[in-house]
Amino acid sequence: MSYPSVAHLVRRHVRLHAAQHILELYSVGQPYTDYLRELSPEMRRAVEGLLRATAESWGIAVSDLERAENGDGQWLR
């Protein structure tokens, strides 16, 4: 079993931290475009990918919850 390098873990942590910071700025209504512009192109792509995946997951979770609340999934049981 191979373990990820420390550099890989640090890069992943920085990407997640940057994405979290953008979500926090968005949540409080602060502009985040300046922060995005300050990121390197590689970091920006990684953060944008994380944010897209987060939005997609959130959308799926909300849809599943709405279906469950409306009883649309009852026939599966």
N, C-alpha and C. Protein backbone atom coordinates (compact mmCIF):
# COMPACT_ATOMS: atom_id res chain seq x y z
N MET A 1 0.84 -1.17 0.00
CA MET A 1 0.00 0.00 0.00
C MET A 1 0.89 1.24 0.00
N SER A 2 0.65 2.11 -0.95
CA SER A 2 1.46 3.33 -1.00
C SER A 2 0.73 4.46 -0.29
N TYR A 3 1.50 5.27 0.37
CA TYR A 3 0.95 6.41 1.10
C TYR A 3 1.23 7.68 0.32
N PRO A 4 0.30 8.64 0.39
CA PRO A 4 0.56 9.90 -0.32
C PRO A 4 1.71 10.66 0.32
N SER A 5 2.41 11.41 -0.49
CA SER A 5 3.53 12.18 0.02
C SER A 5 3.01 13.36 0.86
N VAL A 6 3.87 13.89 1.66
CA VAL A 6 3.51 15.05 2.49
C VAL A 6 3.14 16.23 1.58
N ALA A 7 3.89 16.42 0.51
CA ALA A 7 3.59 17.52 -0.41
C ALA A 7 2.19 17.38 -1.00
N HIS A 8 1.80 16.16 -1.34
CA HIS A 8 0.45 15.91 -1.88
C HIS A 8 -0.61 16.27 -0.85
N LEU A 9 -0.39 15.87 0.39
CA LEU A 9 -1.36 16.18 1.45
C LEU A 9 -1.44 17.68 1.70
N VAL A 10 -0.31 18.36 1.65
CA VAL A 10 -0.31 19.82 1.87
C VAL A 10 -1.06 20.51 0.73
N ARG A 11 -0.82 20.10 -0.52
CA ARG A 11 -1.53 20.69 -1.66
C ARG A 11 -3.03 20.48 -1.52
N ARG A 12 -3.42 19.28 -1.14
CA ARG A 12 -4.85 18.97 -0.98
C ARG A 12 -5.45 19.84 0.13
N HIS A 13 -4.73 19.98 1.23
CA HIS A 13 -5.22 20.80 2.34
C HIS A 13 -5.38 22.26 1.91
N VAL A 14 -4.41 22.78 1.18
CA VAL A 14 -4.48 24.18 0.74
C VAL A 14 -5.66 24.37 -0.21
N ARG A 15 -5.89 23.43 -1.10
CA ARG A 15 -7.03 23.52 -2.02
C ARG A 15 -8.35 23.52 -1.25
N LEU A 16 -8.47 22.61 -0.31
CA LEU A 16 -9.70 22.55 0.48
C LEU A 16 -9.89 23.81 1.31
N HIS A 17 -8.81 24.33 1.87
CA HIS A 17 -8.89 25.55 2.66
C HIS A 17 -9.32 26.73 1.78
N ALA A 18 -8.78 26.83 0.59
CA ALA A 18 -9.15 27.91 -0.32
C ALA A 18 -10.62 27.81 -0.70
N ALA A 19 -11.09 26.59 -1.00
CA ALA A 19 -12.50 26.40 -1.34
C ALA A 19 -13.40 26.76 -0.15
N GLN A 20 -12.99 26.36 1.03
CA GLN A 20 -13.76 26.68 2.23
C GLN A 20 -13.81 28.20 2.44
N HIS A 21 -12.70 28.87 2.22
CA HIS A 21 -12.67 30.32 2.40
C HIS A 21 -13.62 31.01 1.42
N ILE A 22 -13.67 30.55 0.19
CA ILE A 22 -14.58 31.12 -0.80
C ILE A 22 -16.02 30.89 -0.38
N LEU A 23 -16.34 29.69 0.11
CA LEU A 23 -17.70 29.42 0.58
C LEU A 23 -18.07 30.31 1.76
N GLU A 24 -17.12 30.56 2.65
CA GLU A 24 -17.38 31.44 3.79
C GLU A 24 -17.64 32.86 3.32
N LEU A 25 -16.83 33.34 2.37
CA LEU A 25 -17.05 34.68 1.82
C LEU A 25 -18.43 34.77 1.18
N TYR A 26 -18.79 33.76 0.40
CA TYR A 26 -20.09 33.73 -0.26
C TYR A 26 -21.22 33.72 0.77
N SER A 27 -21.05 32.94 1.83
CA SER A 27 -22.10 32.81 2.85
C SER A 27 -22.41 34.13 3.55
N VAL A 28 -21.41 34.95 3.74
CA VAL A 28 -21.63 36.22 4.43
C VAL A 28 -21.86 37.38 3.45
N GLY A 29 -21.95 37.07 2.17
CA GLY A 29 -22.25 38.08 1.18
C GLY A 29 -21.07 38.94 0.76
N GLN A 30 -19.86 38.48 1.04
CA GLN A 30 -18.67 39.23 0.65
C GLN A 30 -18.23 38.82 -0.76
N PRO A 31 -17.62 39.73 -1.49
CA PRO A 31 -17.12 39.35 -2.83
C PRO A 31 -15.93 38.40 -2.71
N TYR A 32 -15.90 37.42 -3.58
CA TYR A 32 -14.82 36.44 -3.56
C TYR A 32 -14.05 36.40 -4.87
N THR A 33 -14.43 37.23 -5.83
CA THR A 33 -13.76 37.20 -7.12
C THR A 33 -12.32 37.68 -7.02
N ASP A 34 -12.05 38.66 -6.15
CA ASP A 34 -10.67 39.13 -5.98
C ASP A 34 -9.80 38.01 -5.43
N TYR A 35 -10.35 37.25 -4.49
CA TYR A 35 -9.61 36.12 -3.92
C TYR A 35 -9.32 35.07 -5.00
N LEU A 36 -10.30 34.80 -5.84
CA LEU A 36 -10.08 33.83 -6.93
C LEU A 36 -9.00 34.30 -7.89
N ARG A 37 -8.98 35.61 -8.19
CA ARG A 37 -7.97 36.15 -9.11
C ARG A 37 -6.56 36.02 -8.55
N GLU A 38 -6.43 36.04 -7.23
CA GLU A 38 -5.11 35.94 -6.60
C GLU A 38 -4.53 34.53 -6.66
N LEU A 39 -5.37 33.55 -6.90
CA LEU A 39 -4.90 32.16 -6.94
C LEU A 39 -4.17 31.88 -8.25
N SER A 40 -3.24 30.95 -8.19
CA SER A 40 -2.56 30.53 -9.42
C SER A 40 -3.57 29.80 -10.31
N PRO A 41 -3.32 29.73 -11.61
CA PRO A 41 -4.26 29.03 -12.50
C PRO A 41 -4.51 27.58 -12.07
N GLU A 42 -3.48 26.89 -11.65
CA GLU A 42 -3.66 25.50 -11.21
C GLU A 42 -4.55 25.44 -9.97
N MET A 43 -4.28 26.32 -9.01
CA MET A 43 -5.07 26.35 -7.79
C MET A 43 -6.51 26.75 -8.09
N ARG A 44 -6.70 27.71 -8.98
CA ARG A 44 -8.04 28.15 -9.35
C ARG A 44 -8.84 27.00 -9.95
N ARG A 45 -8.23 26.25 -10.86
CA ARG A 45 -8.93 25.11 -11.46
C ARG A 45 -9.30 24.08 -10.41
N ALA A 46 -8.38 23.81 -9.49
CA ALA A 46 -8.65 22.82 -8.45
C ALA A 46 -9.79 23.29 -7.54
N VAL A 47 -9.75 24.55 -7.15
CA VAL A 47 -10.78 25.09 -6.27
C VAL A 47 -12.13 25.14 -6.99
N GLU A 48 -12.14 25.56 -8.24
CA GLU A 48 -13.38 25.59 -8.99
C GLU A 48 -13.96 24.19 -9.13
N GLY A 49 -13.10 23.19 -9.34
CA GLY A 49 -13.57 21.81 -9.41
C GLY A 49 -14.19 21.35 -8.10
N LEU A 50 -13.55 21.70 -6.99
CA LEU A 50 -14.11 21.35 -5.68
C LEU A 50 -15.46 22.03 -5.45
N LEU A 51 -15.56 23.29 -5.84
CA LEU A 51 -16.81 24.02 -5.65
C LEU A 51 -17.92 23.46 -6.54
N ARG A 52 -17.57 23.07 -7.77
CA ARG A 52 -18.57 22.44 -8.65
C ARG A 52 -19.06 21.12 -8.07
N ALA A 53 -18.12 20.32 -7.58
CA ALA A 53 -18.49 19.03 -6.98
C ALA A 53 -19.35 19.24 -5.74
N THR A 54 -19.03 20.26 -4.95
CA THR A 54 -19.83 20.57 -3.77
C THR A 54 -21.25 20.97 -4.16
N ALA A 55 -21.36 21.83 -5.16
CA ALA A 55 -22.68 22.28 -5.62
C ALA A 55 -23.50 21.11 -6.16
N GLU A 56 -22.86 20.24 -6.93
CA GLU A 56 -23.56 19.08 -7.47
C GLU A 56 -24.03 18.15 -6.36
N SER A 57 -23.17 17.89 -5.39
CA SER A 57 -23.54 17.03 -4.27
C SER A 57 -24.68 17.63 -3.47
N TRP A 58 -24.61 18.94 -3.24
CA TRP A 58 -25.66 19.62 -2.51
C TRP A 58 -26.99 19.53 -3.27
N GLY A 59 -26.95 19.73 -4.57
CA GLY A 59 -28.16 19.64 -5.38
C GLY A 59 -28.77 18.25 -5.33
N ILE A 60 -27.94 17.23 -5.40
CA ILE A 60 -28.43 15.85 -5.32
C ILE A 60 -29.04 15.58 -3.95
N ALA A 61 -28.38 16.03 -2.89
CA ALA A 61 -28.89 15.81 -1.54
C ALA A 61 -30.24 16.50 -1.35
N VAL A 62 -30.37 17.72 -1.84
CA VAL A 62 -31.64 18.45 -1.71
C VAL A 62 -32.74 17.74 -2.50
N SER A 63 -32.42 17.29 -3.71
CA SER A 63 -33.41 16.56 -4.52
C SER A 63 -33.85 15.28 -3.84
N ASP A 64 -32.90 14.55 -3.28
CA ASP A 64 -33.24 13.31 -2.57
C ASP A 64 -34.13 13.59 -1.37
N LEU A 65 -33.81 14.64 -0.63
CA LEU A 65 -34.61 15.01 0.53
C LEU A 65 -36.02 15.41 0.11
N GLU A 66 -36.14 16.19 -0.95
CA GLU A 66 -37.46 16.60 -1.42
C GLU A 66 -38.27 15.40 -1.88
N ARG A 67 -37.62 14.47 -2.58
CA ARG A 67 -38.33 13.26 -3.02
C ARG A 67 -38.80 12.45 -1.82
N ALA A 68 -37.96 12.33 -0.81
CA ALA A 68 -38.33 11.57 0.38
C ALA A 68 -39.47 12.25 1.12
N GLU A 69 -39.43 13.57 1.21
CA GLU A 69 -40.51 14.30 1.90
C GLU A 69 -41.83 14.23 1.14
N ASN A 70 -41.77 14.16 -0.17
CA ASN A 70 -43.00 14.10 -0.99
C ASN A 70 -43.48 12.67 -1.19
N GLY A 71 -42.74 11.71 -0.69
CA GLY A 71 -43.17 10.32 -0.80
C GLY A 71 -42.94 9.70 -2.16
N ASP A 72 -42.13 10.35 -3.00
CA ASP A 72 -41.90 9.82 -4.35
C ASP A 72 -41.13 8.51 -4.34
N GLY A 73 -40.40 8.24 -3.30
CA GLY A 73 -39.60 7.02 -3.27
C GLY A 73 -40.29 5.86 -2.58
N GLN A 74 -41.55 6.02 -2.23
CA GLN A 74 -42.27 4.98 -1.49
C GLN A 74 -42.38 3.68 -2.28
N TRP A 75 -42.51 3.76 -3.57
CA TRP A 75 -42.71 2.55 -4.37
C TRP A 75 -41.47 1.65 -4.37
N LEU A 76 -40.33 2.20 -4.01
CA LEU A 76 -39.10 1.39 -3.99
C LEU A 76 -39.06 0.44 -2.79
N ARG A 77 -39.80 0.72 -1.77
CA ARG A 77 -39.75 -0.09 -0.54
C ARG A 77 -40.48 -1.33 -0.68
